[in-house]
Amino acid sequence: MNLNSLRDKLLAAARANPPSDQVPYAFEKRILARRREQPVPDLGALWTRMLWRAAAPCVAITLTIVAWSFVGGSATTVPTETGEVVEFSHDFEQTMLAVVDEQAEEFW
């Protein structure tokens, strides 16, 4: 099919039938009725659905970390400069709570 001849035919048909100035009867009412038929999105339901979908990956990540902490327990010891072996969790806790301990000493 020749696209140029088709385009020319369509343009000729459009020029032969100019648009009318009249609006169809009850056009506004039909448009408003269609608009009322469309459901209003419930934002609470959408938010709840997204949170439930996010719950499964969060549970999976939590279970993975818990399993990793139980299985990887033997690799948490670190040798110090003096040669003694100290658990990494103990050093980590002391480091994180050092500021709290210093502030507690200042208040007492």
PDB file of N, CA and C in Angstrom:
ATOM      1  N   MET A   1       0.843  -1.169   0.000  1.00  0.00           N
ATOM      2  CA  MET A   1       0.000   0.000   0.000  1.00  0.00           C
ATOM      3  C   MET A   1       0.893   1.238   0.000  1.00  0.00           C
ATOM      4  N   ASN A   2       0.526   2.190  -0.799  1.00  0.00           N
ATOM      5  CA  ASN A   2       1.276   3.426  -0.922  1.00  0.00           C
ATOM      6  C   ASN A   2       0.833   4.380   0.193  1.00  0.00           C
ATOM      7  N   LEU A   3       1.740   4.685   1.099  1.00  0.00           N
ATOM      8  CA  LEU A   3       1.399   5.522   2.244  1.00  0.00           C
ATOM      9  C   LEU A   3       1.117   6.966   1.837  1.00  0.00           C
ATOM     10  N   ASN A   4       1.816   7.456   0.821  1.00  0.00           N
ATOM     11  CA  ASN A   4       1.591   8.840   0.394  1.00  0.00           C
ATOM     12  C   ASN A   4       0.186   9.022  -0.187  1.00  0.00           C
ATOM     13  N   SER A   5      -0.284   8.071  -1.003  1.00  0.00           N
ATOM     14  CA  SER A   5      -1.639   8.196  -1.569  1.00  0.00           C
ATOM     15  C   SER A   5      -2.689   8.048  -0.476  1.00  0.00           C
ATOM     16  N   LEU A   6      -2.448   7.176   0.511  1.00  0.00           N
ATOM     17  CA  LEU A   6      -3.376   7.026   1.623  1.00  0.00           C
ATOM     18  C   LEU A   6      -3.466   8.314   2.434  1.00  0.00           C
ATOM     19  N   ARG A   7      -2.319   8.919   2.703  1.00  0.00           N
ATOM     20  CA  ARG A   7      -2.303  10.183   3.443  1.00  0.00           C
ATOM     21  C   ARG A   7      -3.054  11.260   2.676  1.00  0.00           C
ATOM     22  N   ASP A   8      -2.868  11.337   1.374  1.00  0.00           N
ATOM     23  CA  ASP A   8      -3.572  12.335   0.552  1.00  0.00           C
ATOM     24  C   ASP A   8      -5.075  12.102   0.580  1.00  0.00           C
ATOM     25  N   LYS A   9      -5.512  10.856   0.514  1.00  0.00           N
ATOM     26  CA  LYS A   9      -6.939  10.538   0.566  1.00  0.00           C
ATOM     27  C   LYS A   9      -7.545  10.928   1.908  1.00  0.00           C
ATOM     28  N   LEU A  10      -6.833  10.642   2.987  1.00  0.00           N
ATOM     29  CA  LEU A  10      -7.333  10.996   4.320  1.00  0.00           C
ATOM     30  C   LEU A  10      -7.415  12.511   4.496  1.00  0.00           C
ATOM     31  N   LEU A  11      -6.423  13.231   4.022  1.00  0.00           N
ATOM     32  CA  LEU A  11      -6.460  14.690   4.115  1.00  0.00           C
ATOM     33  C   LEU A  11      -7.599  15.270   3.280  1.00  0.00           C
ATOM     34  N   ALA A  12      -7.857  14.714   2.101  1.00  0.00           N
ATOM     35  CA  ALA A  12      -8.958  15.183   1.252  1.00  0.00           C
ATOM     36  C   ALA A  12     -10.304  14.917   1.919  1.00  0.00           C
ATOM     37  N   ALA A  13     -10.460  13.744   2.559  1.00  0.00           N
ATOM     38  CA  ALA A  13     -11.708  13.433   3.253  1.00  0.00           C
ATOM     39  C   ALA A  13     -11.900  14.359   4.448  1.00  0.00           C
ATOM     40  N   ALA A  14     -10.844  14.690   5.144  1.00  0.00           N
ATOM     41  CA  ALA A  14     -10.951  15.586   6.286  1.00  0.00           C
ATOM     42  C   ALA A  14     -11.301  17.000   5.840  1.00  0.00           C
ATOM     43  N   ARG A  15     -10.778  17.432   4.733  1.00  0.00           N
ATOM     44  CA  ARG A  15     -11.097  18.773   4.233  1.00  0.00           C
ATOM     45  C   ARG A  15     -12.533  18.847   3.709  1.00  0.00           C
ATOM     46  N   ALA A  16     -13.057  17.753   3.213  1.00  0.00           N
ATOM     47  CA  ALA A  16     -14.421  17.734   2.678  1.00  0.00           C
ATOM     48  C   ALA A  16     -15.467  17.792   3.788  1.00  0.00           C
ATOM     49  N   ASN A  17     -15.140  17.322   4.981  1.00  0.00           N
ATOM     50  CA  ASN A  17     -16.078  17.327   6.117  1.00  0.00           C
ATOM     51  C   ASN A  17     -15.528  18.223   7.228  1.00  0.00           C
ATOM     52  N   PRO A  18     -15.803  19.511   7.189  1.00  0.00           N
ATOM     53  CA  PRO A  18     -15.314  20.395   8.246  1.00  0.00           C
ATOM     54  C   PRO A  18     -16.019  20.078   9.566  1.00  0.00           C
ATOM     55  N   PRO A  19     -15.346  20.314  10.686  1.00  0.00           N
ATOM     56  CA  PRO A  19     -15.950  20.009  11.983  1.00  0.00           C
ATOM     57  C   PRO A  19     -17.134  20.926  12.280  1.00  0.00           C
ATOM     58  N   SER A  20     -18.081  20.397  13.032  1.00  0.00           N
ATOM     59  CA  SER A  20     -19.285  21.147  13.387  1.00  0.00           C
ATOM     60  C   SER A  20     -19.017  21.988  14.629  1.00  0.00           C
ATOM     61  N   ASP A  21     -19.764  23.066  14.761  1.00  0.00           N
ATOM     62  CA  ASP A  21     -19.640  23.924  15.942  1.00  0.00           C
ATOM     63  C   ASP A  21     -20.536  23.453  17.075  1.00  0.00           C
ATOM     64  N   GLN A  22     -21.391  22.491  16.840  1.00  0.00           N
ATOM     65  CA  GLN A  22     -22.309  22.011  17.864  1.00  0.00           C
ATOM     66  C   GLN A  22     -21.650  20.927  18.706  1.00  0.00           C
ATOM     67  N   VAL A  23     -22.005  20.945  19.964  1.00  0.00           N
ATOM     68  CA  VAL A  23     -21.554  19.918  20.896  1.00  0.00           C
ATOM     69  C   VAL A  23     -22.675  18.886  20.977  1.00  0.00           C
ATOM     70  N   PRO A  24     -22.377  17.607  20.993  1.00  0.00           N
ATOM     71  CA  PRO A  24     -23.428  16.589  21.100  1.00  0.00           C
ATOM     72  C   PRO A  24     -24.283  16.786  22.354  1.00  0.00           C
ATOM     73  N   TYR A  25     -25.535  16.324  22.267  1.00  0.00           N
ATOM     74  CA  TYR A  25     -26.475  16.479  23.373  1.00  0.00           C
ATOM     75  C   TYR A  25     -25.957  15.764  24.628  1.00  0.00           C
ATOM     76  N   ALA A  26     -25.979  16.454  25.761  1.00  0.00           N
ATOM     77  CA  ALA A  26     -25.591  15.942  27.084  1.00  0.00           C
ATOM     78  C   ALA A  26     -24.140  15.446  27.106  1.00  0.00           C
ATOM     79  N   PHE A  27     -23.290  16.096  26.348  1.00  0.00           N
ATOM     80  CA  PHE A  27     -21.887  15.692  26.296  1.00  0.00           C
ATOM     81  C   PHE A  27     -21.219  15.828  27.661  1.00  0.00           C
ATOM     82  N   GLU A  28     -21.471  16.953  28.340  1.00  0.00           N
ATOM     83  CA  GLU A  28     -20.852  17.193  29.645  1.00  0.00           C
ATOM     84  C   GLU A  28     -21.303  16.158  30.663  1.00  0.00           C
ATOM     85  N   LYS A  29     -22.603  15.799  30.615  1.00  0.00           N
ATOM     86  CA  LYS A  29     -23.122  14.821  31.570  1.00  0.00           C
ATOM     87  C   LYS A  29     -22.483  13.450  31.341  1.00  0.00           C
ATOM     88  N   ARG A  30     -22.274  13.089  30.086  1.00  0.00           N
ATOM     89  CA  ARG A  30     -21.644  11.804  29.803  1.00  0.00           C
ATOM     90  C   ARG A  30     -20.200  11.772  30.293  1.00  0.00           C
ATOM     91  N   ILE A  31     -19.503  12.877  30.101  1.00  0.00           N
ATOM     92  CA  ILE A  31     -18.106  12.938  30.552  1.00  0.00           C
ATOM     93  C   ILE A  31     -18.038  12.862  32.071  1.00  0.00           C
ATOM     94  N   LEU A  32     -18.885  13.617  32.756  1.00  0.00           N
ATOM     95  CA  LEU A  32     -18.880  13.590  34.215  1.00  0.00           C
ATOM     96  C   LEU A  32     -19.312  12.230  34.760  1.00  0.00           C
ATOM     97  N   ALA A  33     -20.262  11.570  34.084  1.00  0.00           N
ATOM     98  CA  ALA A  33     -20.685  10.239  34.519  1.00  0.00           C
ATOM     99  C   ALA A  33     -19.536   9.242  34.373  1.00  0.00           C
ATOM    100  N   ARG A  34     -18.787   9.323  33.307  1.00  0.00           N
ATOM    101  CA  ARG A  34     -17.619   8.437  33.140  1.00  0.00           C
ATOM    102  C   ARG A  34     -16.564   8.702  34.206  1.00  0.00           C
ATOM    103  N   ARG A  35     -16.416   9.957  34.534  1.00  0.00           N
ATOM    104  CA  ARG A  35     -15.413  10.297  35.548  1.00  0.00           C
ATOM    105  C   ARG A  35     -15.820   9.747  36.916  1.00  0.00           C
ATOM    106  N   ARG A  36     -17.121   9.800  37.232  1.00  0.00           N
ATOM    107  CA  ARG A  36     -17.585   9.264  38.508  1.00  0.00           C
ATOM    108  C   ARG A  36     -17.456   7.751  38.561  1.00  0.00           C
ATOM    109  N   GLU A  37     -17.526   7.076  37.428  1.00  0.00           N
ATOM    110  CA  GLU A  37     -17.420   5.621  37.383  1.00  0.00           C
ATOM    111  C   GLU A  37     -16.023   5.133  37.722  1.00  0.00           C
ATOM    112  N   GLN A  38     -15.013   5.941  37.482  1.00  0.00           N
ATOM    113  CA  GLN A  38     -13.642   5.520  37.751  1.00  0.00           C
ATOM    114  C   GLN A  38     -13.426   5.453  39.260  1.00  0.00           C
ATOM    115  N   PRO A  39     -12.864   4.351  39.738  1.00  0.00           N
ATOM    116  CA  PRO A  39     -12.657   4.219  41.178  1.00  0.00           C
ATOM    117  C   PRO A  39     -11.569   5.174  41.675  1.00  0.00           C
ATOM    118  N   VAL A  40     -11.779   5.671  42.869  1.00  0.00           N
ATOM    119  CA  VAL A  40     -10.793   6.546  43.506  1.00  0.00           C
ATOM    120  C   VAL A  40      -9.762   5.653  44.183  1.00  0.00           C
ATOM    121  N   PRO A  41      -8.476   5.852  43.918  1.00  0.00           N
ATOM    122  CA  PRO A  41      -7.469   4.984  44.546  1.00  0.00           C
ATOM    123  C   PRO A  41      -7.432   5.187  46.058  1.00  0.00           C
ATOM    124  N   ASP A  42      -7.424   4.086  46.779  1.00  0.00           N
ATOM    125  CA  ASP A  42      -7.351   4.123  48.232  1.00  0.00           C
ATOM    126  C   ASP A  42      -5.878   4.122  48.630  1.00  0.00           C
ATOM    127  N   LEU A  43      -5.391   5.252  49.099  1.00  0.00           N
ATOM    128  CA  LEU A  43      -3.972   5.378  49.419  1.00  0.00           C
ATOM    129  C   LEU A  43      -3.568   4.502  50.599  1.00  0.00           C
ATOM    130  N   GLY A  44      -4.475   4.330  51.541  1.00  0.00           N
ATOM    131  CA  GLY A  44      -4.170   3.460  52.680  1.00  0.00           C
ATOM    132  C   GLY A  44      -3.969   2.022  52.254  1.00  0.00           C
ATOM    133  N   ALA A  45      -4.816   1.550  51.347  1.00  0.00           N
ATOM    134  CA  ALA A  45      -4.686   0.172  50.858  1.00  0.00           C
ATOM    135  C   ALA A  45      -3.395   0.006  50.053  1.00  0.00           C
ATOM    136  N   LEU A  46      -3.055   0.999  49.251  1.00  0.00           N
ATOM    137  CA  LEU A  46      -1.815   0.920  48.482  1.00  0.00           C
ATOM    138  C   LEU A  46      -0.603   0.873  49.406  1.00  0.00           C
ATOM    139  N   TRP A  47      -0.614   1.714  50.434  1.00  0.00           N
ATOM    140  CA  TRP A  47       0.493   1.766  51.387  1.00  0.00           C
ATOM    141  C   TRP A  47       0.607   0.433  52.137  1.00  0.00           C
ATOM    142  N   THR A  48      -0.527  -0.107  52.562  1.00  0.00           N
ATOM    143  CA  THR A  48      -0.520  -1.380  53.278  1.00  0.00           C
ATOM    144  C   THR A  48       0.000  -2.500  52.391  1.00  0.00           C
ATOM    145  N   ARG A  49      -0.417  -2.522  51.132  1.00  0.00           N
ATOM    146  CA  ARG A  49       0.027  -3.555  50.203  1.00  0.00           C
ATOM    147  C   ARG A  49       1.538  -3.479  50.001  1.00  0.00           C
ATOM    148  N   MET A  50       2.067  -2.262  49.875  1.00  0.00           N
ATOM    149  CA  MET A  50       3.522  -2.119  49.693  1.00  0.00           C
ATOM    150  C   MET A  50       4.287  -2.586  50.928  1.00  0.00           C
ATOM    151  N   LEU A  51       3.764  -2.275  52.119  1.00  0.00           N
ATOM    152  CA  LEU A  51       4.445  -2.704  53.347  1.00  0.00           C
ATOM    153  C   LEU A  51       4.442  -4.223  53.491  1.00  0.00           C
ATOM    154  N   TRP A  52       3.318  -4.862  53.127  1.00  0.00           N
ATOM    155  CA  TRP A  52       3.284  -6.320  53.204  1.00  0.00           C
ATOM    156  C   TRP A  52       4.236  -6.943  52.201  1.00  0.00           C
ATOM    157  N   ARG A  53       4.374  -6.342  51.038  1.00  0.00           N
ATOM    158  CA  ARG A  53       5.319  -6.871  50.051  1.00  0.00           C
ATOM    159  C   ARG A  53       6.755  -6.691  50.529  1.00  0.00           C
ATOM    160  N   ALA A  54       7.012  -5.649  51.295  1.00  0.00           N
ATOM    161  CA  ALA A  54       8.366  -5.409  51.800  1.00  0.00           C
ATOM    162  C   ALA A  54       8.674  -6.266  53.021  1.00  0.00           C
ATOM    163  N   ALA A  55       7.662  -6.821  53.666  1.00  0.00           N
ATOM    164  CA  ALA A  55       7.888  -7.607  54.883  1.00  0.00           C
ATOM    165  C   ALA A  55       8.645  -8.898  54.584  1.00  0.00           C
ATOM    166  N   ALA A  56       8.330  -9.558  53.496  1.00  0.00           N
ATOM    167  CA  ALA A  56       8.990 -10.834  53.175  1.00  0.00           C
ATOM    168  C   ALA A  56      10.502 -10.671  52.971  1.00  0.00           C
ATOM    169  N   PRO A  57      10.965  -9.692  52.188  1.00  0.00           N
ATOM    170  CA  PRO A  57      12.425  -9.534  52.085  1.00  0.00           C
ATOM    171  C   PRO A  57      13.080  -9.161  53.416  1.00  0.00           C
ATOM    172  N   CYS A  58      12.385  -8.390  54.239  1.00  0.00           N
ATOM    173  CA  CYS A  58      12.953  -8.024  55.542  1.00  0.00           C
ATOM    174  C   CYS A  58      13.117  -9.254  56.432  1.00  0.00           C
ATOM    175  N   VAL A  59      12.115 -10.124  56.422  1.00  0.00           N
ATOM    176  CA  VAL A  59      12.210 -11.361  57.208  1.00  0.00           C
ATOM    177  C   VAL A  59      13.337 -12.244  56.661  1.00  0.00           C
ATOM    178  N   ALA A  60      13.452 -12.330  55.352  1.00  0.00           N
ATOM    179  CA  ALA A  60      14.512 -13.138  54.750  1.00  0.00           C
ATOM    180  C   ALA A  60      15.894 -12.602  55.120  1.00  0.00           C
ATOM    181  N   ILE A  61      16.059 -11.295  55.075  1.00  0.00           N
ATOM    182  CA  ILE A  61      17.347 -10.688  55.446  1.00  0.00           C
ATOM    183  C   ILE A  61      17.648 -10.936  56.912  1.00  0.00           C
ATOM    184  N   THR A  62      16.636 -10.807  57.764  1.00  0.00           N
ATOM    185  CA  THR A  62      16.828 -11.039  59.195  1.00  0.00           C
ATOM    186  C   THR A  62      17.240 -12.480  59.463  1.00  0.00           C
ATOM    187  N   LEU A  63      16.554 -13.426  58.832  1.00  0.00           N
ATOM    188  CA  LEU A  63      16.904 -14.834  59.041  1.00  0.00           C
ATOM    189  C   LEU A  63      18.297 -15.149  58.513  1.00  0.00           C
ATOM    190  N   THR A  64      18.678 -14.524  57.403  1.00  0.00           N
ATOM    191  CA  THR A  64      20.021 -14.732  56.864  1.00  0.00           C
ATOM    192  C   THR A  64      21.081 -14.217  57.822  1.00  0.00           C
ATOM    193  N   ILE A  65      20.862 -13.054  58.385  1.00  0.00           N
ATOM    194  CA  ILE A  65      21.836 -12.477  59.327  1.00  0.00           C
ATOM    195  C   ILE A  65      21.913 -13.310  60.598  1.00  0.00           C
ATOM    196  N   VAL A  66      20.752 -13.797  61.088  1.00  0.00           N
ATOM    197  CA  VAL A  66      20.751 -14.638  62.291  1.00  0.00           C
ATOM    198  C   VAL A  66      21.521 -15.929  62.026  1.00  0.00           C
ATOM    199  N   ALA A  67      21.260 -16.555  60.880  1.00  0.00           N
ATOM    200  CA  ALA A  67      21.976 -17.792  60.547  1.00  0.00           C
ATOM    201  C   ALA A  67      23.469 -17.531  60.403  1.00  0.00           C
ATOM    202  N   TRP A  68      23.816 -16.423  59.796  1.00  0.00           N
ATOM    203  CA  TRP A  68      25.226 -16.076  59.617  1.00  0.00           C
ATOM    204  C   TRP A  68      25.910 -15.851  60.965  1.00  0.00           C
ATOM    205  N   SER A  69      25.193 -15.236  61.909  1.00  0.00           N
ATOM    206  CA  SER A  69      25.807 -14.979  63.213  1.00  0.00           C
ATOM    207  C   SER A  69      26.034 -16.273  63.990  1.00  0.00           C
ATOM    208  N   PHE A  70      25.138 -17.271  63.819  1.00  0.00           N
ATOM    209  CA  PHE A  70      25.339 -18.540  64.507  1.00  0.00           C
ATOM    210  C   PHE A  70      26.425 -19.380  63.847  1.00  0.00           C
ATOM    211  N   VAL A  71      26.454 -19.405  62.537  1.00  0.00           N
ATOM    212  CA  VAL A  71      27.424 -20.227  61.816  1.00  0.00           C
ATOM    213  C   VAL A  71      28.812 -19.607  61.872  1.00  0.00           C
ATOM    214  N   GLY A  72      28.899 -18.304  61.737  1.00  0.00           N
ATOM    215  CA  GLY A  72      30.190 -17.636  61.686  1.00  0.00           C
ATOM    216  C   GLY A  72      30.734 -17.271  63.049  1.00  0.00           C
ATOM    217  N   GLY A  73      30.284 -17.911  64.125  1.00  0.00           N
ATOM    218  CA  GLY A  73      30.713 -17.567  65.477  1.00  0.00           C
ATOM    219  C   GLY A  73      32.174 -17.868  65.750  1.00  0.00           C
ATOM    220  N   SER A  74      32.765 -18.851  65.068  1.00  0.00           N
ATOM    221  CA  SER A  74      34.150 -19.213  65.344  1.00  0.00           C
ATOM    222  C   SER A  74      35.137 -18.204  64.770  1.00  0.00           C
ATOM    223  N   ALA A  75      34.728 -17.407  63.805  1.00  0.00           N
ATOM    224  CA  ALA A  75      35.636 -16.468  63.158  1.00  0.00           C
ATOM    225  C   ALA A  75      35.596 -15.088  63.790  1.00  0.00           C
ATOM    226  N   THR A  76      35.006 -14.978  64.988  1.00  0.00           N
ATOM    227  CA  THR A  76      34.887 -13.664  65.603  1.00  0.00           C
ATOM    228  C   THR A  76      36.007 -13.380  66.596  1.00  0.00           C
ATOM    229  N   THR A  77      36.972 -14.244  66.730  1.00  0.00           N
ATOM    230  CA  THR A  77      38.086 -13.989  67.641  1.00  0.00           C
ATOM    231  C   THR A  77      39.233 -13.325  66.886  1.00  0.00           C
ATOM    232  N   VAL A  78      39.846 -12.369  67.558  1.00  0.00           N
ATOM    233  CA  VAL A  78      40.922 -11.600  66.934  1.00  0.00           C
ATOM    234  C   VAL A  78      42.122 -11.597  67.872  1.00  0.00           C
ATOM    235  N   PRO A  79      43.317 -11.933  67.387  1.00  0.00           N
ATOM    236  CA  PRO A  79      44.505 -11.863  68.257  1.00  0.00           C
ATOM    237  C   PRO A  79      44.923 -10.406  68.474  1.00  0.00           C
ATOM    238  N   THR A  80      45.308 -10.087  69.671  1.00  0.00           N
ATOM    239  CA  THR A  80      45.747  -8.724  69.992  1.00  0.00           C
ATOM    240  C   THR A  80      47.258  -8.638  69.899  1.00  0.00           C
ATOM    241  N   GLU A  81      47.794  -7.449  70.190  1.00  0.00           N
ATOM    242  CA  GLU A  81      49.245  -7.235  70.110  1.00  0.00           C
ATOM    243  C   GLU A  81      49.986  -8.029  71.183  1.00  0.00           C
ATOM    244  N   THR A  82      49.353  -8.273  72.308  1.00  0.00           N
ATOM    245  CA  THR A  82      50.011  -9.008  73.390  1.00  0.00           C
ATOM    246  C   THR A  82      49.960 -10.503  73.181  1.00  0.00           C
ATOM    247  N   GLY A  83      49.200 -10.963  72.177  1.00  0.00           N
ATOM    248  CA  GLY A  83      49.156 -12.390  71.890  1.00  0.00           C
ATOM    249  C   GLY A  83      47.902 -13.069  72.378  1.00  0.00           C
ATOM    250  N   GLU A  84      47.119 -12.400  73.210  1.00  0.00           N
ATOM    251  CA  GLU A  84      45.895 -13.035  73.693  1.00  0.00           C
ATOM    252  C   GLU A  84      44.787 -12.909  72.633  1.00  0.00           C
ATOM    253  N   VAL A  85      43.863 -13.817  72.655  1.00  0.00           N
ATOM    254  CA  VAL A  85      42.778 -13.853  71.679  1.00  0.00           C
ATOM    255  C   VAL A  85      41.533 -13.255  72.330  1.00  0.00           C
ATOM    256  N   VAL A  86      40.980 -12.235  71.681  1.00  0.00           N
ATOM    257  CA  VAL A  86      39.807 -11.533  72.214  1.00  0.00           C
ATOM    258  C   VAL A  86      38.687 -11.645  71.198  1.00  0.00           C
ATOM    259  N   GLU A  87      37.480 -11.785  71.700  1.00  0.00           N
ATOM    260  CA  GLU A  87      36.345 -11.840  70.786  1.00  0.00           C
ATOM    261  C   GLU A  87      36.101 -10.472  70.181  1.00  0.00           C
ATOM    262  N   PHE A  88      35.791 -10.462  68.914  1.00  0.00           N
ATOM    263  CA  PHE A  88      35.536  -9.217  68.196  1.00  0.00           C
ATOM    264  C   PHE A  88      34.300  -8.508  68.745  1.00  0.00           C
ATOM    265  N   SER A  89      33.300  -9.257  69.154  1.00  0.00           N
ATOM    266  CA  SER A  89      32.070  -8.644  69.655  1.00  0.00           C
ATOM    267  C   SER A  89      32.337  -7.856  70.927  1.00  0.00           C
ATOM    268  N   HIS A  90      33.238  -8.362  71.763  1.00  0.00           N
ATOM    269  CA  HIS A  90      33.578  -7.654  73.001  1.00  0.00           C
ATOM    270  C   HIS A  90      34.260  -6.317  72.684  1.00  0.00           C
ATOM    271  N   ASP A  91      35.222  -6.328  71.773  1.00  0.00           N
ATOM    272  CA  ASP A  91      35.892  -5.088  71.383  1.00  0.00           C
ATOM    273  C   ASP A  91      34.920  -4.116  70.720  1.00  0.00           C
ATOM    274  N   PHE A  92      34.048  -4.633  69.911  1.00  0.00           N
ATOM    275  CA  PHE A  92      33.077  -3.786  69.230  1.00  0.00           C
ATOM    276  C   PHE A  92      32.156  -3.113  70.245  1.00  0.00           C
ATOM    277  N   GLU A  93      31.699  -3.874  71.224  1.00  0.00           N
ATOM    278  CA  GLU A  93      30.815  -3.316  72.246  1.00  0.00           C
ATOM    279  C   GLU A  93      31.536  -2.255  73.066  1.00  0.00           C
ATOM    280  N   GLN A  94      32.779  -2.504  73.420  1.00  0.00           N
ATOM    281  CA  GLN A  94      33.540  -1.513  74.189  1.00  0.00           C
ATOM    282  C   GLN A  94      33.751  -0.236  73.389  1.00  0.00           C
ATOM    283  N   THR A  95      34.018  -0.369  72.099  1.00  0.00           N
ATOM    284  CA  THR A  95      34.221   0.804  71.247  1.00  0.00           C
ATOM    285  C   THR A  95      32.944   1.614  71.114  1.00  0.00           C
ATOM    286  N   MET A  96      31.838   0.934  70.894  1.00  0.00           N
ATOM    287  CA  MET A  96      30.574   1.637  70.706  1.00  0.00           C
ATOM    288  C   MET A  96      30.091   2.310  71.986  1.00  0.00           C
ATOM    289  N   LEU A  97      30.357   1.711  73.122  1.00  0.00           N
ATOM    290  CA  LEU A  97      29.873   2.258  74.387  1.00  0.00           C
ATOM    291  C   LEU A  97      30.905   3.124  75.104  1.00  0.00           C
ATOM    292  N   ALA A  98      32.039   3.401  74.476  1.00  0.00           N
ATOM    293  CA  ALA A  98      33.080   4.199  75.116  1.00  0.00           C
ATOM    294  C   ALA A  98      32.580   5.609  75.403  1.00  0.00           C
ATOM    295  N   VAL A  99      31.877   6.195  74.486  1.00  0.00           N
ATOM    296  CA  VAL A  99      31.365   7.559  74.681  1.00  0.00           C
ATOM    297  C   VAL A  99      30.324   7.577  75.788  1.00  0.00           C
ATOM    298  N   VAL A 100      29.493   6.564  75.854  1.00  0.00           N
ATOM    299  CA  VAL A 100      28.464   6.497  76.891  1.00  0.00           C
ATOM    300  C   VAL A 100      29.124   6.356  78.259  1.00  0.00           C
ATOM    301  N   ASP A 101      30.160   5.544  78.362  1.00  0.00           N
ATOM    302  CA  ASP A 101      30.868   5.368  79.628  1.00  0.00           C
ATOM    303  C   ASP A 101      31.536   6.664  80.067  1.00  0.00           C
ATOM    304  N   GLU A 102      32.129   7.394  79.118  1.00  0.00           N
ATOM    305  CA  GLU A 102      32.780   8.667  79.466  1.00  0.00           C
ATOM    306  C   GLU A 102      31.755   9.688  79.952  1.00  0.00           C
ATOM    307  N   GLN A 103      30.609   9.755  79.308  1.00  0.00           N
ATOM    308  CA  GLN A 103      29.583  10.702  79.722  1.00  0.00           C
ATOM    309  C   GLN A 103      28.993  10.312  81.066  1.00  0.00           C
ATOM    310  N   ALA A 104      28.867   9.020  81.333  1.00  0.00           N
ATOM    311  CA  ALA A 104      28.329   8.571  82.620  1.00  0.00           C
ATOM    312  C   ALA A 104      29.286   8.944  83.750  1.00  0.00           C
ATOM    313  N   GLU A 105      30.590   8.854  83.499  1.00  0.00           N
ATOM    314  CA  GLU A 105      31.574   9.222  84.530  1.00  0.00           C
ATOM    315  C   GLU A 105      31.539  10.720  84.812  1.00  0.00           C
ATOM    316  N   GLU A 106      31.270  11.539  83.779  1.00  0.00           N
ATOM    317  CA  GLU A 106      31.215  12.981  83.972  1.00  0.00           C
ATOM    318  C   GLU A 106      30.017  13.382  84.821  1.00  0.00           C
ATOM    319  N   PHE A 107      28.897  12.693  84.674  1.00  0.00           N
ATOM    320  CA  PHE A 107      27.700  13.055  85.419  1.00  0.00           C
ATOM    321  C   PHE A 107      27.771  12.607  86.864  1.00  0.00           C
ATOM    322  N   TRP A 108      28.484  11.529  87.151  1.00  0.00           N
ATOM    323  CA  TRP A 108      28.560  11.043  88.516  1.00  0.00           C
ATOM    324  C   TRP A 108      29.738  11.654  89.151  1.00  0.00           C
TER     325      TRP A 108
END
